[in-house]
């Protein structure tokens, strides 16, 4: 089996595991962005927990950053490529809309990737200043995985908040984004991706190019994050999907640990 086959099995399995909420909340943290208000959620959203910690539940800082440090040092952004249901959704859209992508100049595209770090910083600052869950109020992932399912399954119990329509607008914009840009949410806006990406430079598991590489460019062509491994070693953007390993005709790319 190719690595891509194992990854599909992993993504499907984690999608199921992410929605075992009928057994109750586990007290664990999702290693990706997924709303804890989802009717089927079984764990907490890392960004939601960060917001609650900023609002005064300071012990959550210890729990959250201990968790992030452990998975970050070992895996880096591995869970973005192998487990995140939103990443899985983007892969599906990337396949269905592969001929509808917008071409962006490399220098412009590189600068756009810094937006997610501003989203993360804005979440922290906005939550502290307003005393509200600044990101959660308008999070499109929360709208997709929590608001819409709750409305469908329990319409009589749903209470419309002041940010409902703003969140629905964000859901629409999210789908437009992932239609015109493969893994567009991961590249440009995901605050958890920004947070966990900082560990990519030191993570134990990562792809490595050996001396047999001919720089044919196939690894960059198949990379959903548009990374050129021959020039960007241990990139912050790498989601460890290892499509490059499958694609390399010379077997010059290896998974190291």
C-alpha atoms as a PDB file:
ATOM      1  CA  UNK A   1       0.000   0.000   0.000  1.00  0.00           C
ATOM      2  CA  UNK A   2       1.095   3.551  -0.695  1.00  0.00           C
ATOM      3  CA  UNK A   3       1.435   6.084   2.091  1.00  0.00           C
ATOM      4  CA  UNK A   4      -1.600   7.907   0.711  1.00  0.00           C
ATOM      5  CA  UNK A   5      -3.710   4.781   1.327  1.00  0.00           C
ATOM      6  CA  UNK A   6      -2.623   4.626   4.961  1.00  0.00           C
ATOM      7  CA  UNK A   7      -3.337   8.332   5.302  1.00  0.00           C
ATOM      8  CA  UNK A   8      -6.878   7.901   3.971  1.00  0.00           C
ATOM      9  CA  UNK A   9      -7.493   5.153   6.520  1.00  0.00           C
ATOM     10  CA  UNK A  10      -6.075   7.363   9.274  1.00  0.00           C
ATOM     11  CA  UNK A  11      -8.184  10.392   8.281  1.00  0.00           C
ATOM     12  CA  UNK A  12     -11.345   8.294   8.158  1.00  0.00           C
ATOM     13  CA  UNK A  13     -10.591   6.716  11.528  1.00  0.00           C
ATOM     14  CA  UNK A  14      -9.899  10.062  13.196  1.00  0.00           C
ATOM     15  CA  UNK A  15     -13.104  11.516  11.729  1.00  0.00           C
ATOM     16  CA  UNK A  16     -15.039   8.727  13.447  1.00  0.00           C
ATOM     17  CA  UNK A  17     -13.076   9.119  16.691  1.00  0.00           C
ATOM     18  CA  UNK A  18     -13.682  12.877  16.640  1.00  0.00           C
ATOM     19  CA  UNK A  19     -17.421  12.281  16.719  1.00  0.00           C
ATOM     20  CA  UNK A  20     -17.831   9.779  19.538  1.00  0.00           C
ATOM     21  CA  UNK A  21     -19.484  12.351  21.761  1.00  0.00           C
ATOM     22  CA  UNK A  22     -22.343  10.031  22.628  1.00  0.00           C
ATOM     23  CA  UNK A  23     -19.954   8.358  25.108  1.00  0.00           C
ATOM     24  CA  UNK A  24     -19.484  11.730  26.812  1.00  0.00           C
ATOM     25  CA  UNK A  25     -16.661  14.258  26.942  1.00  0.00           C
ATOM     26  CA  UNK A  26     -13.310  12.595  27.536  1.00  0.00           C
ATOM     27  CA  UNK A  27     -11.438  15.556  28.974  1.00  0.00           C
ATOM     28  CA  UNK A  28      -8.864  15.206  26.185  1.00  0.00           C
ATOM     29  CA  UNK A  29      -7.848  17.830  23.640  1.00  0.00           C
ATOM     30  CA  UNK A  30      -8.211  17.420  19.893  1.00  0.00           C
ATOM     31  CA  UNK A  31      -4.764  17.635  18.237  1.00  0.00           C
ATOM     32  CA  UNK A  32      -6.430  19.757  15.550  1.00  0.00           C
ATOM     33  CA  UNK A  33      -9.128  22.423  15.216  1.00  0.00           C
ATOM     34  CA  UNK A  34     -12.552  20.925  15.927  1.00  0.00           C
ATOM     35  CA  UNK A  35     -15.375  22.513  17.918  1.00  0.00           C
ATOM     36  CA  UNK A  36     -16.126  21.133  21.389  1.00  0.00           C
ATOM     37  CA  UNK A  37     -19.714  22.377  20.945  1.00  0.00           C
ATOM     38  CA  UNK A  38     -20.283  19.856  18.153  1.00  0.00           C
ATOM     39  CA  UNK A  39     -23.218  17.586  19.175  1.00  0.00           C
ATOM     40  CA  UNK A  40     -20.903  14.592  18.764  1.00  0.00           C
ATOM     41  CA  UNK A  41     -17.695  16.078  20.189  1.00  0.00           C
ATOM     42  CA  UNK A  42     -15.723  14.011  22.662  1.00  0.00           C
ATOM     43  CA  UNK A  43     -12.787  16.350  23.339  1.00  0.00           C
ATOM     44  CA  UNK A  44     -11.903  20.029  23.606  1.00  0.00           C
ATOM     45  CA  UNK A  45     -10.808  22.418  20.864  1.00  0.00           C
ATOM     46  CA  UNK A  46      -7.225  23.629  21.519  1.00  0.00           C
ATOM     47  CA  UNK A  47      -8.017  27.203  20.483  1.00  0.00           C
ATOM     48  CA  UNK A  48     -11.217  27.197  22.549  1.00  0.00           C
ATOM     49  CA  UNK A  49      -9.222  26.002  25.567  1.00  0.00           C
ATOM     50  CA  UNK A  50      -6.655  28.730  24.925  1.00  0.00           C
ATOM     51  CA  UNK A  51      -9.424  31.324  25.013  1.00  0.00           C
ATOM     52  CA  UNK A  52     -10.838  29.925  28.272  1.00  0.00           C
ATOM     53  CA  UNK A  53      -7.351  29.961  29.784  1.00  0.00           C
ATOM     54  CA  UNK A  54      -6.927  33.629  28.844  1.00  0.00           C
ATOM     55  CA  UNK A  55     -10.292  34.409  30.462  1.00  0.00           C
ATOM     56  CA  UNK A  56      -9.081  33.148  33.826  1.00  0.00           C
ATOM     57  CA  UNK A  57      -8.889  29.368  33.899  1.00  0.00           C
ATOM     58  CA  UNK A  58      -5.112  29.527  34.129  1.00  0.00           C
ATOM     59  CA  UNK A  59      -4.521  25.828  34.867  1.00  0.00           C
ATOM     60  CA  UNK A  60      -5.656  25.174  31.319  1.00  0.00           C
ATOM     61  CA  UNK A  61      -2.441  26.845  30.136  1.00  0.00           C
ATOM     62  CA  UNK A  62      -0.391  24.102  31.793  1.00  0.00           C
ATOM     63  CA  UNK A  63      -2.586  21.328  30.409  1.00  0.00           C
ATOM     64  CA  UNK A  64      -2.886  22.813  26.918  1.00  0.00           C
ATOM     65  CA  UNK A  65       0.727  23.753  26.355  1.00  0.00           C
ATOM     66  CA  UNK A  66       1.980  20.512  27.886  1.00  0.00           C
ATOM     67  CA  UNK A  67      -0.212  18.655  25.404  1.00  0.00           C
ATOM     68  CA  UNK A  68       0.858  20.841  22.472  1.00  0.00           C
ATOM     69  CA  UNK A  69       4.546  20.533  23.404  1.00  0.00           C
ATOM     70  CA  UNK A  70       4.394  16.727  23.500  1.00  0.00           C
ATOM     71  CA  UNK A  71       2.642  16.290  20.156  1.00  0.00           C
ATOM     72  CA  UNK A  72       4.604  19.168  18.624  1.00  0.00           C
ATOM     73  CA  UNK A  73       8.052  17.873  19.558  1.00  0.00           C
ATOM     74  CA  UNK A  74       7.244  14.366  18.316  1.00  0.00           C
ATOM     75  CA  UNK A  75       4.961  15.025  15.348  1.00  0.00           C
ATOM     76  CA  UNK A  76       4.979  18.721  14.402  1.00  0.00           C
ATOM     77  CA  UNK A  77       2.032  19.336  12.071  1.00  0.00           C
ATOM     78  CA  UNK A  78       1.584  15.614  11.398  1.00  0.00           C
ATOM     79  CA  UNK A  79      -1.999  15.589  12.717  1.00  0.00           C
ATOM     80  CA  UNK A  80      -2.934  18.315  10.209  1.00  0.00           C
ATOM     81  CA  UNK A  81      -2.170  15.883   7.405  1.00  0.00           C
ATOM     82  CA  UNK A  82      -3.256  12.596   8.967  1.00  0.00           C
ATOM     83  CA  UNK A  83      -6.043  13.287  11.449  1.00  0.00           C
ATOM     84  CA  UNK A  84      -7.768  16.664  11.169  1.00  0.00           C
ATOM     85  CA  UNK A  85     -11.345  16.269   9.822  1.00  0.00           C
ATOM     86  CA  UNK A  86     -11.175  19.777   8.390  1.00  0.00           C
ATOM     87  CA  UNK A  87      -7.983  18.855   6.566  1.00  0.00           C
ATOM     88  CA  UNK A  88      -9.767  15.741   5.307  1.00  0.00           C
ATOM     89  CA  UNK A  89     -12.628  17.903   4.037  1.00  0.00           C
ATOM     90  CA  UNK A  90     -10.152  20.175   2.263  1.00  0.00           C
ATOM     91  CA  UNK A  91      -8.490  17.180   0.612  1.00  0.00           C
ATOM     92  CA  UNK A  92     -11.884  16.075  -0.698  1.00  0.00           C
ATOM     93  CA  UNK A  93     -12.626  19.567  -2.020  1.00  0.00           C
ATOM     94  CA  UNK A  94      -9.129  19.761  -3.450  1.00  0.00           C
ATOM     95  CA  UNK A  95      -9.848  16.634  -5.493  1.00  0.00           C
ATOM     96  CA  UNK A  96     -13.320  17.753  -6.599  1.00  0.00           C
ATOM     97  CA  UNK A  97     -12.252  21.285  -7.551  1.00  0.00           C
ATOM     98  CA  UNK A  98      -8.706  20.623  -8.782  1.00  0.00           C
ATOM     99  CA  UNK A  99      -9.332  22.581 -12.006  1.00  0.00           C
ATOM    100  CA  UNK A 100     -10.720  25.653 -10.261  1.00  0.00           C
ATOM    101  CA  UNK A 101      -7.645  26.823  -8.363  1.00  0.00           C
ATOM    102  CA  UNK A 102      -6.460  30.437  -8.415  1.00  0.00           C
ATOM    103  CA  UNK A 103      -2.819  30.984  -9.346  1.00  0.00           C
ATOM    104  CA  UNK A 104      -0.978  33.308  -6.964  1.00  0.00           C
ATOM    105  CA  UNK A 105       2.532  34.675  -7.400  1.00  0.00           C
ATOM    106  CA  UNK A 106       4.920  32.771  -5.107  1.00  0.00           C
ATOM    107  CA  UNK A 107       6.112  35.906  -3.293  1.00  0.00           C
ATOM    108  CA  UNK A 108       2.517  36.997  -2.636  1.00  0.00           C
ATOM    109  CA  UNK A 109       1.460  33.504  -1.604  1.00  0.00           C
ATOM    110  CA  UNK A 110       4.374  33.329   0.852  1.00  0.00           C
ATOM    111  CA  UNK A 111       3.285  36.567   2.521  1.00  0.00           C
ATOM    112  CA  UNK A 112      -0.345  35.416   2.767  1.00  0.00           C
ATOM    113  CA  UNK A 113       0.751  32.485   4.941  1.00  0.00           C
ATOM    114  CA  UNK A 114       1.566  34.915   7.757  1.00  0.00           C
ATOM    115  CA  UNK A 115      -2.157  35.695   8.121  1.00  0.00           C
ATOM    116  CA  UNK A 116      -2.689  32.644  10.351  1.00  0.00           C
ATOM    117  CA  UNK A 117      -0.130  33.968  12.822  1.00  0.00           C
ATOM    118  CA  UNK A 118      -2.019  37.261  12.965  1.00  0.00           C
ATOM    119  CA  UNK A 119      -5.242  35.269  13.489  1.00  0.00           C
ATOM    120  CA  UNK A 120      -3.593  33.480  16.430  1.00  0.00           C
ATOM    121  CA  UNK A 121      -2.271  36.731  17.897  1.00  0.00           C
ATOM    122  CA  UNK A 122      -5.629  38.431  17.297  1.00  0.00           C
ATOM    123  CA  UNK A 123      -7.400  35.587  19.092  1.00  0.00           C
ATOM    124  CA  UNK A 124      -5.192  36.001  22.155  1.00  0.00           C
ATOM    125  CA  UNK A 125      -5.369  39.798  22.238  1.00  0.00           C
ATOM    126  CA  UNK A 126      -9.050  39.976  21.301  1.00  0.00           C
ATOM    127  CA  UNK A 127     -10.062  37.464  23.964  1.00  0.00           C
ATOM    128  CA  UNK A 128      -8.082  39.315  26.645  1.00  0.00           C
ATOM    129  CA  UNK A 129      -9.436  42.754  25.720  1.00  0.00           C
ATOM    130  CA  UNK A 130     -13.086  41.846  25.134  1.00  0.00           C
ATOM    131  CA  UNK A 131     -13.470  39.170  27.789  1.00  0.00           C
ATOM    132  CA  UNK A 132     -15.170  36.994  25.158  1.00  0.00           C
ATOM    133  CA  UNK A 133     -14.225  33.927  23.159  1.00  0.00           C
ATOM    134  CA  UNK A 134     -13.065  36.170  20.325  1.00  0.00           C
ATOM    135  CA  UNK A 135     -12.258  33.522  17.739  1.00  0.00           C
ATOM    136  CA  UNK A 136     -14.941  31.013  18.734  1.00  0.00           C
ATOM    137  CA  UNK A 137     -17.667  33.624  18.165  1.00  0.00           C
ATOM    138  CA  UNK A 138     -16.959  33.711  14.423  1.00  0.00           C
ATOM    139  CA  UNK A 139     -15.014  30.479  13.836  1.00  0.00           C
ATOM    140  CA  UNK A 140     -16.137  28.873  10.559  1.00  0.00           C
ATOM    141  CA  UNK A 141     -15.073  25.445  11.832  1.00  0.00           C
ATOM    142  CA  UNK A 142     -17.371  25.878  14.818  1.00  0.00           C
ATOM    143  CA  UNK A 143     -20.141  26.967  12.474  1.00  0.00           C
ATOM    144  CA  UNK A 144     -19.600  23.914  10.286  1.00  0.00           C
ATOM    145  CA  UNK A 145     -19.149  21.274  13.008  1.00  0.00           C
ATOM    146  CA  UNK A 146     -21.315  22.670  15.806  1.00  0.00           C
ATOM    147  CA  UNK A 147     -23.786  25.388  14.797  1.00  0.00           C
ATOM    148  CA  UNK A 148     -25.180  23.760  11.651  1.00  0.00           C
ATOM    149  CA  UNK A 149     -25.403  20.195  13.079  1.00  0.00           C
ATOM    150  CA  UNK A 150     -27.100  21.522  16.222  1.00  0.00           C
ATOM    151  CA  UNK A 151     -29.619  23.470  14.139  1.00  0.00           C
ATOM    152  CA  UNK A 152     -30.390  20.383  12.068  1.00  0.00           C
ATOM    153  CA  UNK A 153     -30.604  17.911  14.952  1.00  0.00           C
ATOM    154  CA  UNK A 154     -32.004  20.090  17.751  1.00  0.00           C
ATOM    155  CA  UNK A 155     -33.644  23.142  16.125  1.00  0.00           C
ATOM    156  CA  UNK A 156     -35.957  23.827  19.061  1.00  0.00           C
ATOM    157  CA  UNK A 157     -33.044  23.990  21.504  1.00  0.00           C
ATOM    158  CA  UNK A 158     -30.782  26.285  19.509  1.00  0.00           C
ATOM    159  CA  UNK A 159     -30.429  29.851  20.779  1.00  0.00           C
ATOM    160  CA  UNK A 160     -29.431  32.349  18.099  1.00  0.00           C
ATOM    161  CA  UNK A 161     -26.575  34.524  19.317  1.00  0.00           C
ATOM    162  CA  UNK A 162     -25.563  37.960  18.116  1.00  0.00           C
ATOM    163  CA  UNK A 163     -22.711  36.478  16.040  1.00  0.00           C
ATOM    164  CA  UNK A 164     -24.780  33.794  14.299  1.00  0.00           C
ATOM    165  CA  UNK A 165     -24.896  35.428  10.874  1.00  0.00           C
ATOM    166  CA  UNK A 166     -21.257  36.485  11.081  1.00  0.00           C
ATOM    167  CA  UNK A 167     -20.327  32.859  11.728  1.00  0.00           C
ATOM    168  CA  UNK A 168     -22.489  31.654   8.834  1.00  0.00           C
ATOM    169  CA  UNK A 169     -20.781  34.176   6.565  1.00  0.00           C
ATOM    170  CA  UNK A 170     -17.443  32.786   7.678  1.00  0.00           C
ATOM    171  CA  UNK A 171     -18.616  29.263   6.796  1.00  0.00           C
ATOM    172  CA  UNK A 172     -19.502  30.423   3.277  1.00  0.00           C
ATOM    173  CA  UNK A 173     -16.133  32.158   2.909  1.00  0.00           C
ATOM    174  CA  UNK A 174     -14.411  29.023   4.177  1.00  0.00           C
ATOM    175  CA  UNK A 175     -15.936  26.923   1.397  1.00  0.00           C
ATOM    176  CA  UNK A 176     -15.054  29.533  -1.210  1.00  0.00           C
ATOM    177  CA  UNK A 177     -11.476  29.541   0.084  1.00  0.00           C
ATOM    178  CA  UNK A 178     -10.984  25.759  -0.028  1.00  0.00           C
ATOM    179  CA  UNK A 179     -12.589  25.647  -3.470  1.00  0.00           C
ATOM    180  CA  UNK A 180     -10.097  28.093  -5.008  1.00  0.00           C
ATOM    181  CA  UNK A 181      -7.064  27.058  -2.930  1.00  0.00           C
ATOM    182  CA  UNK A 182      -6.165  23.481  -1.948  1.00  0.00           C
ATOM    183  CA  UNK A 183      -5.748  23.397   1.840  1.00  0.00           C
ATOM    184  CA  UNK A 184      -6.372  27.154   1.818  1.00  0.00           C
ATOM    185  CA  UNK A 185      -7.559  27.134   5.443  1.00  0.00           C
ATOM    186  CA  UNK A 186      -4.400  25.317   6.571  1.00  0.00           C
ATOM    187  CA  UNK A 187      -2.134  27.616   4.580  1.00  0.00           C
ATOM    188  CA  UNK A 188      -3.579  30.993   5.460  1.00  0.00           C
ATOM    189  CA  UNK A 189      -5.979  31.074   8.409  1.00  0.00           C
ATOM    190  CA  UNK A 190      -5.857  28.140  10.858  1.00  0.00           C
ATOM    191  CA  UNK A 191      -4.677  29.469  14.254  1.00  0.00           C
ATOM    192  CA  UNK A 192      -3.888  25.999  15.576  1.00  0.00           C
ATOM    193  CA  UNK A 193      -1.836  25.324  12.454  1.00  0.00           C
ATOM    194  CA  UNK A 194       0.086  28.514  13.262  1.00  0.00           C
ATOM    195  CA  UNK A 195       0.654  27.391  16.848  1.00  0.00           C
ATOM    196  CA  UNK A 196       1.747  23.818  16.127  1.00  0.00           C
ATOM    197  CA  UNK A 197       3.834  24.815  13.086  1.00  0.00           C
ATOM    198  CA  UNK A 198       6.422  26.372  15.410  1.00  0.00           C
ATOM    199  CA  UNK A 199       7.457  22.842  16.402  1.00  0.00           C
ATOM    200  CA  UNK A 200       8.161  21.716  12.823  1.00  0.00           C
ATOM    201  CA  UNK A 201      11.767  22.882  13.111  1.00  0.00           C
ATOM    202  CA  UNK A 202      12.453  20.476  15.960  1.00  0.00           C
ATOM    203  CA  UNK A 203       9.876  17.692  15.518  1.00  0.00           C
ATOM    204  CA  UNK A 204      11.196  14.141  15.524  1.00  0.00           C
ATOM    205  CA  UNK A 205       9.155  12.952  12.539  1.00  0.00           C
ATOM    206  CA  UNK A 206       9.833  14.837   9.308  1.00  0.00           C
ATOM    207  CA  UNK A 207      10.639  14.251   5.601  1.00  0.00           C
ATOM    208  CA  UNK A 208      14.260  14.378   4.487  1.00  0.00           C
ATOM    209  CA  UNK A 209      15.780  14.609   1.005  1.00  0.00           C
ATOM    210  CA  UNK A 210      18.976  12.652   0.323  1.00  0.00           C
ATOM    211  CA  UNK A 211      21.804  13.190  -2.166  1.00  0.00           C
ATOM    212  CA  UNK A 212      20.116  11.163  -4.928  1.00  0.00           C
ATOM    213  CA  UNK A 213      17.595  13.969  -5.502  1.00  0.00           C
ATOM    214  CA  UNK A 214      17.621  15.347  -9.071  1.00  0.00           C
ATOM    215  CA  UNK A 215      15.386  18.330  -8.225  1.00  0.00           C
ATOM    216  CA  UNK A 216      12.771  17.188 -10.739  1.00  0.00           C
ATOM    217  CA  UNK A 217      10.074  19.179  -8.933  1.00  0.00           C
ATOM    218  CA  UNK A 218       7.524  16.372  -8.564  1.00  0.00           C
ATOM    219  CA  UNK A 219       7.507  16.696  -4.759  1.00  0.00           C
ATOM    220  CA  UNK A 220       6.454  20.332  -4.995  1.00  0.00           C
ATOM    221  CA  UNK A 221       3.871  19.524  -7.662  1.00  0.00           C
ATOM    222  CA  UNK A 222       2.009  17.058  -5.439  1.00  0.00           C
ATOM    223  CA  UNK A 223       2.461  18.981  -2.185  1.00  0.00           C
ATOM    224  CA  UNK A 224      -0.863  20.432  -0.958  1.00  0.00           C
ATOM    225  CA  UNK A 225       1.091  23.146   0.875  1.00  0.00           C
ATOM    226  CA  UNK A 226       3.229  24.061  -2.185  1.00  0.00           C
ATOM    227  CA  UNK A 227       6.527  23.288  -0.441  1.00  0.00           C
ATOM    228  CA  UNK A 228       9.730  22.757  -2.369  1.00  0.00           C
ATOM    229  CA  UNK A 229      11.591  20.303  -0.129  1.00  0.00           C
ATOM    230  CA  UNK A 230      14.864  20.900  -1.935  1.00  0.00           C
ATOM    231  CA  UNK A 231      14.843  24.539  -0.815  1.00  0.00           C
ATOM    232  CA  UNK A 232      12.644  24.556   2.315  1.00  0.00           C
ATOM    233  CA  UNK A 233      14.006  22.019   4.777  1.00  0.00           C
ATOM    234  CA  UNK A 234      11.837  21.516   7.869  1.00  0.00           C
ATOM    235  CA  UNK A 235       9.306  24.020   6.584  1.00  0.00           C
ATOM    236  CA  UNK A 236       6.792  25.420   9.080  1.00  0.00           C
ATOM    237  CA  UNK A 237       4.138  24.726   6.459  1.00  0.00           C
ATOM    238  CA  UNK A 238       4.739  20.976   6.107  1.00  0.00           C
ATOM    239  CA  UNK A 239       1.729  18.942   7.304  1.00  0.00           C
ATOM    240  CA  UNK A 240       3.679  15.649   7.078  1.00  0.00           C
ATOM    241  CA  UNK A 241       1.231  14.117   4.591  1.00  0.00           C
ATOM    242  CA  UNK A 242       4.234  12.518   2.825  1.00  0.00           C
ATOM    243  CA  UNK A 243       2.658  12.687  -0.611  1.00  0.00           C
ATOM    244  CA  UNK A 244       6.142  13.724  -1.692  1.00  0.00           C
ATOM    245  CA  UNK A 245       7.501  10.338  -0.591  1.00  0.00           C
ATOM    246  CA  UNK A 246       4.994   8.513  -2.804  1.00  0.00           C
ATOM    247  CA  UNK A 247       5.651  10.838  -5.743  1.00  0.00           C
ATOM    248  CA  UNK A 248       9.469  10.797  -5.787  1.00  0.00           C
ATOM    249  CA  UNK A 249      10.590   8.611  -8.732  1.00  0.00           C
ATOM    250  CA  UNK A 250      14.105   8.218  -7.289  1.00  0.00           C
ATOM    251  CA  UNK A 251      13.023   7.367  -3.722  1.00  0.00           C
ATOM    252  CA  UNK A 252      15.104  10.325  -2.569  1.00  0.00           C
ATOM    253  CA  UNK A 253      12.661  11.421   0.149  1.00  0.00           C
ATOM    254  CA  UNK A 254      12.492   9.503   3.384  1.00  0.00           C
ATOM    255  CA  UNK A 255      10.514   9.754   6.612  1.00  0.00           C
ATOM    256  CA  UNK A 256      13.044  10.211   9.379  1.00  0.00           C
ATOM    257  CA  UNK A 257      12.630   9.979  13.129  1.00  0.00           C
END
